[in-house]
Protein backbone atom coordinates (compact mmCIF):
# COMPACT_ATOMS: atom_id res chain seq x y z
CA UNK A 1 -0.39 -33.41 14.19
CA UNK A 2 -3.34 -31.40 12.88
CA UNK A 3 -3.78 -27.63 12.57
CA UNK A 4 -6.90 -27.83 14.74
CA UNK A 5 -4.72 -29.10 17.60
CA UNK A 6 -2.64 -25.90 17.52
CA UNK A 7 -5.38 -23.69 18.95
CA UNK A 8 -5.95 -21.63 15.82
CA UNK A 9 -9.24 -19.78 15.43
CA UNK A 10 -12.03 -21.86 13.84
CA UNK A 11 -12.10 -19.42 10.90
CA UNK A 12 -8.42 -20.12 10.20
CA UNK A 13 -8.81 -23.90 10.57
CA UNK A 14 -11.76 -23.82 8.15
CA UNK A 15 -9.66 -21.93 5.57
CA UNK A 16 -6.75 -24.34 5.99
CA UNK A 17 -9.10 -27.28 5.43
CA UNK A 18 -10.26 -25.68 2.19
CA UNK A 19 -6.61 -25.25 1.17
CA UNK A 20 -6.17 -29.00 1.60
CA UNK A 21 -3.86 -28.70 4.62
CA UNK A 22 -4.17 -31.78 6.82
CA UNK A 23 -1.05 -32.37 8.91
CA UNK A 24 1.75 -30.04 9.91
CA UNK A 25 5.03 -30.39 8.03
CA UNK A 26 8.25 -30.74 10.07
CA UNK A 27 9.10 -27.02 9.83
CA UNK A 28 5.57 -26.12 10.90
CA UNK A 29 5.70 -28.53 13.84
CA UNK A 30 8.89 -26.91 15.10
CA UNK A 31 8.30 -23.25 14.25
CA UNK A 32 4.62 -22.65 15.06
CA UNK A 33 4.73 -23.38 18.82
CA UNK A 34 7.95 -21.36 19.24
CA UNK A 35 6.59 -18.41 17.24
CA UNK A 36 3.33 -18.42 19.20
CA UNK A 37 5.34 -18.06 22.41
CA UNK A 38 6.80 -14.84 21.01
CA UNK A 39 10.39 -15.92 20.38
CA UNK A 40 12.54 -14.56 17.58
CA UNK A 41 13.31 -17.36 15.12
CA UNK A 42 16.14 -18.18 12.74
CA UNK A 43 15.00 -21.14 10.64
CA UNK A 44 16.51 -23.04 7.74
CA UNK A 45 14.33 -25.41 5.75
CA UNK A 46 13.99 -26.66 2.22
CA UNK A 47 11.78 -24.80 -0.21
CA UNK A 48 8.41 -26.50 -0.57
CA UNK A 49 8.26 -27.60 3.08
CA UNK A 50 5.57 -25.18 4.22
CA UNK A 51 7.60 -22.21 5.44
CA UNK A 52 4.91 -19.65 4.58
CA UNK A 53 2.37 -21.29 6.87
CA UNK A 54 5.07 -21.78 9.52
CA UNK A 55 5.67 -18.04 9.93
CA UNK A 56 2.31 -16.60 8.89
CA UNK A 57 -0.13 -18.69 10.92
CA UNK A 58 1.30 -17.67 14.33
CA UNK A 59 1.25 -13.97 13.47
CA UNK A 60 -2.27 -14.29 12.01
CA UNK A 61 -3.49 -15.78 15.28
CA UNK A 62 -1.73 -13.13 17.37
CA UNK A 63 -3.20 -10.34 15.27
CA UNK A 64 -6.66 -11.85 15.73
CA UNK A 65 -6.16 -12.28 19.48
CA UNK A 66 -5.16 -8.63 19.93
CA UNK A 67 -8.52 -7.37 18.71
CA UNK A 68 -6.83 -4.33 17.18
CA UNK A 69 -7.01 -3.06 13.62
CA UNK A 70 -4.57 -1.16 11.46
CA UNK A 71 -4.87 2.60 11.43
CA UNK A 72 -4.64 4.72 8.29
CA UNK A 73 -1.46 4.22 6.22
CA UNK A 74 0.10 1.79 8.69
CA UNK A 75 1.02 -1.89 8.74
CA UNK A 76 0.87 -4.22 11.73
CA UNK A 77 2.94 -7.11 10.33
CA UNK A 78 5.61 -6.85 7.65
CA UNK A 79 6.92 -9.73 5.54
CA UNK A 80 9.92 -8.99 3.31
CA UNK A 81 10.68 -11.16 0.28
CA UNK A 82 13.42 -10.78 -2.34
CA UNK A 83 11.38 -11.15 -5.55
CA UNK A 84 8.04 -10.08 -6.97
CA UNK A 85 7.00 -13.67 -7.57
CA UNK A 86 7.69 -14.75 -4.01
CA UNK A 87 5.97 -11.68 -2.53
CA UNK A 88 2.87 -12.30 -4.62
CA UNK A 89 2.82 -15.99 -3.75
CA UNK A 90 3.15 -15.31 0.00
CA UNK A 91 0.36 -12.74 -0.13
CA UNK A 92 -1.93 -15.10 -2.05
CA UNK A 93 -1.32 -17.88 0.49
CA UNK A 94 -2.00 -15.60 3.46
CA UNK A 95 -5.18 -14.26 1.83
CA UNK A 96 -6.36 -17.86 1.58
CA UNK A 97 -5.53 -18.49 5.27
CA UNK A 98 -7.38 -15.33 6.39
CA UNK A 99 -10.35 -15.76 4.08
CA UNK A 100 -12.87 -15.95 6.91
CA UNK A 101 -11.24 -13.38 9.20
CA UNK A 102 -11.40 -9.56 9.17
CA UNK A 103 -7.62 -9.28 8.60
CA UNK A 104 -6.46 -7.35 5.54
CA UNK A 105 -3.51 -8.48 3.40
CA UNK A 106 -1.71 -6.38 0.80
CA UNK A 107 1.41 -6.89 -1.28
CA UNK A 108 3.63 -4.22 -2.82
CA UNK A 109 6.41 -4.91 -5.31
CA UNK A 110 7.90 -3.56 -8.48
CA UNK A 111 6.29 -4.10 -11.86
CA UNK A 112 2.88 -2.86 -10.69
CA UNK A 113 1.52 0.69 -10.75
CA UNK A 114 2.26 2.67 -7.62
CA UNK A 115 -1.22 4.24 -7.71
CA UNK A 116 -3.09 0.97 -7.14
CA UNK A 117 -0.75 0.07 -4.29
CA UNK A 118 -1.21 3.54 -2.72
CA UNK A 119 -4.97 3.00 -2.69
CA UNK A 120 -4.55 -0.40 -1.04
CA UNK A 121 -2.35 1.11 1.68
CA UNK A 122 -4.56 4.14 2.31
CA UNK A 123 -6.84 2.62 4.96
CA UNK A 124 -4.05 0.64 6.63
CA UNK A 125 -3.20 -3.05 6.37
CA UNK A 126 -2.84 -5.82 8.93
CA UNK A 127 -0.31 -7.89 6.97
CA UNK A 128 1.94 -6.25 4.38
CA UNK A 129 4.08 -8.40 2.07
CA UNK A 130 6.72 -6.43 0.19
CA UNK A 131 9.97 -6.42 -1.69
CA UNK A 132 12.46 -4.11 0.04
CA UNK A 133 12.97 -1.69 -2.85
CA UNK A 134 9.31 -0.98 -3.52
CA UNK A 135 8.50 -0.72 0.19
CA UNK A 136 11.29 1.83 0.60
CA UNK A 137 9.64 3.93 -2.12
CA UNK A 138 6.26 3.83 -0.40
CA UNK A 139 7.76 4.79 2.96
CA UNK A 140 9.66 7.71 1.43
CA UNK A 141 6.48 8.98 -0.23
CA UNK A 142 4.49 8.70 3.00
CA UNK A 143 2.16 6.03 1.66
CA UNK A 144 2.70 3.65 4.57
CA UNK A 145 4.39 3.61 7.97
CA UNK A 146 6.13 0.62 9.55
CA UNK A 147 6.90 2.54 12.75
CA UNK A 148 4.57 0.44 14.90
CA UNK A 149 4.83 -3.03 13.36
CA UNK A 150 4.33 -5.95 15.72
CA UNK A 151 5.91 -8.63 13.53
CA UNK A 152 8.75 -8.64 11.01
CA UNK A 153 9.51 -11.64 8.80
CA UNK A 154 12.39 -12.13 6.37
CA UNK A 155 11.57 -14.89 3.90
CA UNK A 156 14.48 -16.18 1.82
CA UNK A 157 16.71 -13.96 3.97
CA UNK A 158 19.89 -15.13 2.28
CA UNK A 159 18.63 -14.04 -1.13
CA UNK A 160 17.65 -10.65 0.28
CA UNK A 161 21.33 -10.23 1.15
CA UNK A 162 22.59 -11.74 -2.11
CA UNK A 163 20.45 -9.39 -4.22
CA UNK A 164 21.88 -6.29 -2.56
CA UNK A 165 18.78 -5.25 -0.63
CA UNK A 166 20.65 -4.74 2.63
CA UNK A 167 20.68 -0.94 2.27
CA UNK A 168 16.92 -0.82 1.68
CA UNK A 169 16.43 -3.14 4.65
CA UNK A 170 18.56 -0.85 6.80
CA UNK A 171 16.42 2.17 5.92
CA UNK A 172 13.22 0.25 6.57
CA UNK A 173 14.36 -1.04 9.95
CA UNK A 174 15.48 2.38 11.09
CA UNK A 175 11.88 3.52 10.57
CA UNK A 176 10.66 0.92 13.08
CA UNK A 177 10.05 2.38 16.53
CA UNK A 178 8.68 -0.76 18.18
CA UNK A 179 10.41 -3.98 19.18
CA UNK A 180 8.73 -6.47 16.84
CA UNK A 181 9.01 -10.22 16.97
CA UNK A 182 11.42 -11.07 14.14
CA UNK A 183 11.55 -14.31 12.19
CA UNK A 184 14.13 -15.20 9.54
CA UNK A 185 13.47 -18.10 7.18
CA UNK A 186 15.92 -19.33 4.57
CA UNK A 187 16.66 -22.37 2.43
CA UNK A 188 20.44 -21.98 2.82
CA UNK A 189 22.85 -20.51 5.31
CA UNK A 190 25.96 -18.37 4.92
CA UNK A 191 28.44 -16.59 7.17
CA UNK A 192 26.89 -13.20 6.32
CA UNK A 193 23.41 -14.43 7.12
CA UNK A 194 24.59 -15.90 10.41
CA UNK A 195 26.16 -12.56 11.33
CA UNK A 196 22.99 -10.68 10.47
CA UNK A 197 20.87 -13.08 12.50
CA UNK A 198 23.24 -12.81 15.45
CA UNK A 199 23.12 -9.03 15.46
CA UNK A 200 19.42 -8.26 14.97
CA UNK A 201 17.63 -11.20 16.56
CA UNK A 202 17.04 -11.35 20.32
CA UNK A 203 17.97 -14.75 21.75
CA UNK A 204 16.52 -16.49 18.69
CA UNK A 205 15.39 -20.07 18.64
CA UNK A 206 17.26 -21.82 15.85
CA UNK A 207 15.28 -24.30 13.83
CA UNK A 208 16.72 -26.54 11.12
CA UNK A 209 14.71 -29.10 9.20
CA UNK A 210 17.19 -31.59 7.78
CA UNK A 211 20.71 -30.27 7.49
CA UNK A 212 21.32 -26.85 5.95
CA UNK A 213 21.95 -26.53 2.20
CA UNK A 214 20.51 -29.94 1.43
CA UNK A 215 17.98 -31.02 -1.17
CA UNK A 216 14.79 -33.02 -0.87
CA UNK A 217 15.36 -36.77 -0.67
CA UNK A 218 12.66 -37.29 -3.29
CA UNK A 219 14.74 -35.60 -6.03
CA UNK A 220 16.89 -37.65 -8.40
CA UNK A 221 20.02 -35.77 -9.56
CA UNK A 222 21.58 -36.50 -12.95
CA UNK A 223 23.97 -34.65 -15.24
CA UNK A 224 24.75 -34.88 -18.92
CA UNK A 225 28.23 -33.82 -20.10
CA UNK A 226 27.76 -31.80 -23.30
CA UNK A 227 29.38 -29.02 -25.30
CA UNK A 228 27.83 -25.61 -24.68
CA UNK A 229 26.72 -25.13 -28.27
CA UNK A 230 24.81 -28.43 -28.25
CA UNK A 231 22.80 -27.92 -25.07
CA UNK A 232 19.62 -26.78 -26.82
CA UNK A 233 19.80 -29.74 -29.16
CA UNK A 234 20.20 -32.07 -26.17
CA UNK A 235 17.28 -30.43 -24.39
CA UNK A 236 14.99 -30.98 -27.36
CA UNK A 237 16.26 -34.56 -27.68
CA UNK A 238 15.47 -35.41 -24.05
CA UNK A 239 12.06 -33.71 -24.08
CA UNK A 240 11.08 -35.66 -27.19
CA UNK A 241 12.68 -39.00 -26.37
CA UNK A 242 11.49 -39.11 -22.74
CA UNK A 243 8.17 -37.35 -23.43
CA UNK A 244 8.68 -34.74 -20.71
CA UNK A 245 5.50 -32.69 -20.45
CA UNK A 246 6.40 -29.98 -17.93
CA UNK A 247 9.99 -28.77 -17.77
CA UNK A 248 11.39 -25.73 -15.95
CA UNK A 249 14.73 -24.75 -17.50
CA UNK A 250 17.21 -22.43 -15.75
CA UNK A 251 19.81 -20.37 -17.62
CA UNK A 252 22.27 -17.74 -16.40
CA UNK A 253 21.56 -14.99 -18.92
CA UNK A 254 18.45 -13.33 -20.38
CA UNK A 255 19.87 -13.58 -23.89
CA UNK A 256 20.32 -17.34 -23.46
CA UNK A 257 16.71 -17.66 -22.29
CA UNK A 258 15.41 -15.89 -25.39
CA UNK A 259 17.59 -17.99 -27.70
CA UNK A 260 16.59 -21.29 -26.10
CA UNK A 261 12.87 -20.48 -26.32
CA UNK A 262 13.22 -19.52 -29.96
CA UNK A 263 15.06 -22.76 -30.80
CA UNK A 264 12.54 -24.91 -28.90
CA UNK A 265 9.68 -23.30 -30.81
CA UNK A 266 11.45 -24.04 -34.10
CA UNK A 267 11.58 -27.67 -32.97
CA UNK A 268 7.84 -27.68 -32.36
CA UNK A 269 8.03 -27.44 -28.56
CA UNK A 270 5.77 -24.77 -27.01
CA UNK A 271 7.94 -22.73 -24.63
CA UNK A 272 7.66 -19.48 -22.69
CA UNK A 273 10.28 -17.25 -21.12
CA UNK A 274 10.57 -15.60 -17.69
CA UNK A 275 13.31 -13.12 -16.85
CA UNK A 276 13.87 -9.64 -15.47
CA UNK A 277 13.44 -7.78 -18.77
CA UNK A 278 9.88 -9.03 -19.07
CA UNK A 279 7.05 -6.98 -17.58
CA UNK A 280 5.39 -8.43 -14.51
CA UNK A 281 2.21 -9.07 -16.50
CA UNK A 282 4.18 -10.98 -19.14
CA UNK A 283 5.94 -13.08 -16.52
CA UNK A 284 2.66 -13.90 -14.83
CA UNK A 285 1.10 -14.84 -18.16
CA UNK A 286 4.06 -17.11 -18.96
CA UNK A 287 3.76 -18.82 -15.59
CA UNK A 288 0.01 -19.30 -16.03
CA UNK A 289 0.53 -20.90 -19.45
CA UNK A 290 3.20 -23.17 -18.02
CA UNK A 291 1.11 -24.21 -15.02
CA UNK A 292 -1.97 -24.89 -17.15
CA UNK A 293 -0.02 -27.02 -19.63
CA UNK A 294 -0.45 -24.67 -22.57
CA UNK A 295 3.35 -24.37 -22.63
CA UNK A 296 5.48 -27.46 -22.19
CA UNK A 297 8.66 -25.62 -21.18
CA UNK A 298 9.41 -22.45 -19.24
CA UNK A 299 12.92 -21.04 -19.58
CA UNK A 300 13.89 -18.76 -16.72
CA UNK A 301 16.79 -16.92 -15.15
CA UNK A 302 17.34 -17.04 -11.40
CA UNK A 303 14.70 -14.33 -10.93
CA UNK A 304 12.31 -17.28 -10.92
CA UNK A 305 14.41 -19.62 -8.76
CA UNK A 306 12.47 -18.67 -5.64
CA UNK A 307 8.81 -18.12 -5.11
CA UNK A 308 7.53 -20.32 -7.93
CA UNK A 309 4.90 -22.68 -6.60
CA UNK A 310 4.16 -25.21 -9.33
CA UNK A 311 2.25 -28.22 -8.10
CA UNK A 312 3.84 -31.58 -8.91
CA UNK A 313 6.53 -30.12 -11.19
CA UNK A 314 8.37 -33.23 -12.46
CA UNK A 315 11.48 -31.80 -14.16
CA UNK A 316 13.96 -29.00 -13.52
CA UNK A 317 16.85 -28.57 -15.94
CA UNK A 318 20.01 -26.57 -15.28
CA UNK A 319 20.78 -25.60 -18.87
CA UNK A 320 23.63 -23.55 -17.37
CA UNK A 321 25.12 -24.55 -14.05
CA UNK A 322 24.58 -21.73 -11.54
CA UNK A 323 27.46 -19.46 -10.58
CA UNK A 324 26.99 -20.30 -6.90
CA UNK A 325 26.54 -23.87 -5.70
CA UNK A 326 23.88 -22.68 -3.23
CA UNK A 327 21.71 -21.57 -6.15
CA UNK A 328 21.56 -25.19 -7.30
CA UNK A 329 19.56 -25.90 -4.14
CA UNK A 330 17.16 -23.05 -4.86
CA UNK A 331 16.65 -24.01 -8.48
CA UNK A 332 15.95 -27.68 -8.01
CA UNK A 333 13.83 -26.87 -4.96
CA UNK A 334 11.00 -26.26 -7.45
CA UNK A 335 10.65 -30.04 -7.90
CA UNK A 336 10.23 -32.87 -5.41
CA UNK A 337 8.08 -30.71 -3.13
CA UNK A 338 5.88 -31.96 -0.29
CA UNK A 339 7.07 -35.56 -0.62
CA UNK A 340 6.49 -35.80 -4.40
CA UNK A 341 9.17 -37.27 -6.67
CA UNK A 342 11.25 -34.89 -8.78
CA UNK A 343 13.93 -34.99 -11.44
CA UNK A 344 16.87 -32.54 -11.47
CA UNK A 345 18.89 -32.56 -14.70
CA UNK A 346 22.08 -30.57 -15.30
CA UNK A 347 23.85 -29.94 -18.61
CA UNK A 348 27.57 -29.58 -17.94
CA UNK A 349 30.27 -28.33 -20.27
CA UNK A 350 33.99 -28.60 -19.44
CA UNK A 351 34.14 -25.19 -17.78
CA UNK A 352 31.30 -26.15 -15.44
CA UNK A 353 32.87 -29.33 -14.06
CA UNK A 354 34.22 -27.43 -11.03
CA UNK A 355 30.71 -26.24 -10.19
CA UNK A 356 29.62 -29.88 -10.17
CA UNK A 357 32.28 -30.64 -7.56
CA UNK A 358 31.12 -27.69 -5.46
CA UNK A 359 27.46 -28.74 -5.72
CA UNK A 360 28.25 -32.33 -4.76
CA UNK A 361 30.24 -31.13 -1.75
CA UNK A 362 27.40 -28.83 -0.72
CA UNK A 363 24.54 -31.33 -0.96
CA UNK A 364 26.80 -34.23 0.09
CA UNK A 365 25.70 -36.56 -2.65
CA UNK A 366 26.91 -37.26 -6.19
CA UNK A 367 25.11 -36.26 -9.37
CA UNK A 368 24.64 -39.39 -11.48
CA UNK A 369 26.55 -38.90 -14.75
CA UNK A 370 24.87 -40.04 -17.98
CA UNK A 371 26.70 -39.83 -21.30
CA UNK A 372 24.25 -39.74 -24.17
CA UNK A 373 25.75 -41.15 -27.34
CA UNK A 374 26.56 -38.43 -29.83
CA UNK A 375 26.65 -35.63 -27.24
CA UNK A 376 29.91 -36.41 -25.42
CA UNK A 377 32.10 -33.30 -24.92
CA UNK A 378 35.58 -33.36 -26.37
CA UNK A 379 38.61 -33.96 -24.15
CA UNK A 380 36.49 -34.12 -21.02
CA UNK A 381 38.54 -36.89 -19.37
CA UNK A 382 41.80 -34.93 -19.55
CA UNK A 383 40.05 -31.85 -18.16
CA UNK A 384 38.62 -33.83 -15.23
CA UNK A 385 42.01 -35.33 -14.46
CA UNK A 386 43.60 -31.87 -14.44
CA UNK A 387 40.80 -30.52 -12.24
CA UNK A 388 41.20 -33.19 -9.59
CA UNK A 389 44.99 -32.95 -9.47
CA UNK A 390 44.91 -29.16 -8.94
CA UNK A 391 45.23 -28.18 -5.26
CA UNK A 392 41.84 -27.27 -3.83
CA UNK A 393 43.28 -23.99 -2.53
CA UNK A 394 43.89 -22.90 -6.12
CA UNK A 395 40.39 -23.67 -7.35
CA UNK A 396 38.02 -20.80 -7.94
CA UNK A 397 34.33 -20.81 -8.69
CA UNK A 398 32.93 -19.31 -11.87
CA UNK A 399 31.89 -15.68 -11.61
CA UNK A 400 29.61 -13.36 -13.52
CA UNK A 401 32.55 -10.97 -13.82
CA UNK A 402 35.92 -12.74 -13.48
CA UNK A 403 37.65 -9.41 -12.83
CA UNK A 404 35.67 -8.88 -9.62
CA UNK A 405 36.81 -10.45 -6.34
CA UNK A 406 34.64 -13.27 -5.03
CA UNK A 407 33.88 -11.32 -1.85
CA UNK A 408 33.57 -7.63 -1.11
CA UNK A 409 35.24 -7.08 2.25
CA UNK A 410 34.27 -3.42 2.42
CA UNK A 411 30.63 -4.25 1.82
CA UNK A 412 30.73 -6.94 4.48
CA UNK A 413 32.20 -4.50 6.98
CA UNK A 414 29.53 -1.91 6.16
CA UNK A 415 26.80 -4.49 6.71
CA UNK A 416 28.29 -5.54 10.02
CA UNK A 417 28.52 -1.93 11.20
CA UNK A 418 24.90 -1.39 10.22
CA UNK A 419 23.54 -4.38 12.12
CA UNK A 420 25.59 -3.47 15.18
CA UNK A 421 23.97 -0.05 15.18
CA UNK A 422 20.58 -1.69 14.88
CA UNK A 423 21.38 -4.01 17.77
CA UNK A 424 22.48 -1.11 19.94
CA UNK A 425 19.28 0.73 19.07
CA UNK A 426 17.11 -2.22 20.07
CA UNK A 427 18.82 -2.60 23.46
CA UNK A 428 18.51 1.06 24.43
């Protein structure tokens, strides 16, 4: 099925041809016709399956068909994303799609000067891509109004919730006076996300490409048992022995990222770092060096787990297993994209064996275990035996702060009350 067959404007089809888009992906085949009919959508699909085009192309065409233009300091379509990287990537893609149209596209997110964003918003914008926190600032300062938006998209909606942006989202939505078409796209599902979708979407069409919380079939999953203090040594060993040329490495802490990069450089491996303490310009420069091949390895925290679009990335390494099994899906979603083969490698110490069980249950497939001679962890067999004989009801996942409960009931109740108020407001 081609894009030309979907009735898009010739200017859009021409731009898509230049982008190398030939046939619709499964998520695009399902979502585009439904979105063009004006339905609210709640969609789950793997990262790298073409979600941006799935939600943006229908709204682009509708904006073109209306013949209207944005008035001063207003936006017609709003796309919310959880991270700077994802917001910038979405905006860049949409700018490419609208290259030959009169539509304007602007992105606002933290890490950039407010003044340049204010200038971009001054004359109004057709499509605004934003992170919730920075958009809230612009609204409060009167730089832009979302009162009359026609379309609202949540990309990576589950991460928007996970990162605590729900309060900013609440403020933004209460500024909306229209009844926009709303689309939610996510790689994973959760009970909180299902509740939010139920309460703010109007009779949504649910779309799922493959089952939820799965990984691309083109990705091979392996794990190496290893002591924590020997992980960097093992990483260098595998990069050298297997001649890996482009490796994205995920860690849980900024300090770990800095240490790993320093050790890799001492071993003669060019590496760059990407985490929240780095300025946006530094993170972009690191990504550019990694994409161009100037750096062989990029070590990142989960700030980079979503929104990174690296063509044909062959290797993703979980130096630390993620705290949440769902984040495994997001991390390794950087490889094996668009039908290409990928390699997901996890380094697992004894304390992380439970996370492996949770990941395998989530993706419903085993991680192939490889024991590299000289790197075997001590007493692993007895730990595994103890783990599997412990009642599942007594097992707990690892947490950033073990003194904090795994769920915050009060916060969940506040969120539910908020979305119920929003629902009541929309039905008035």
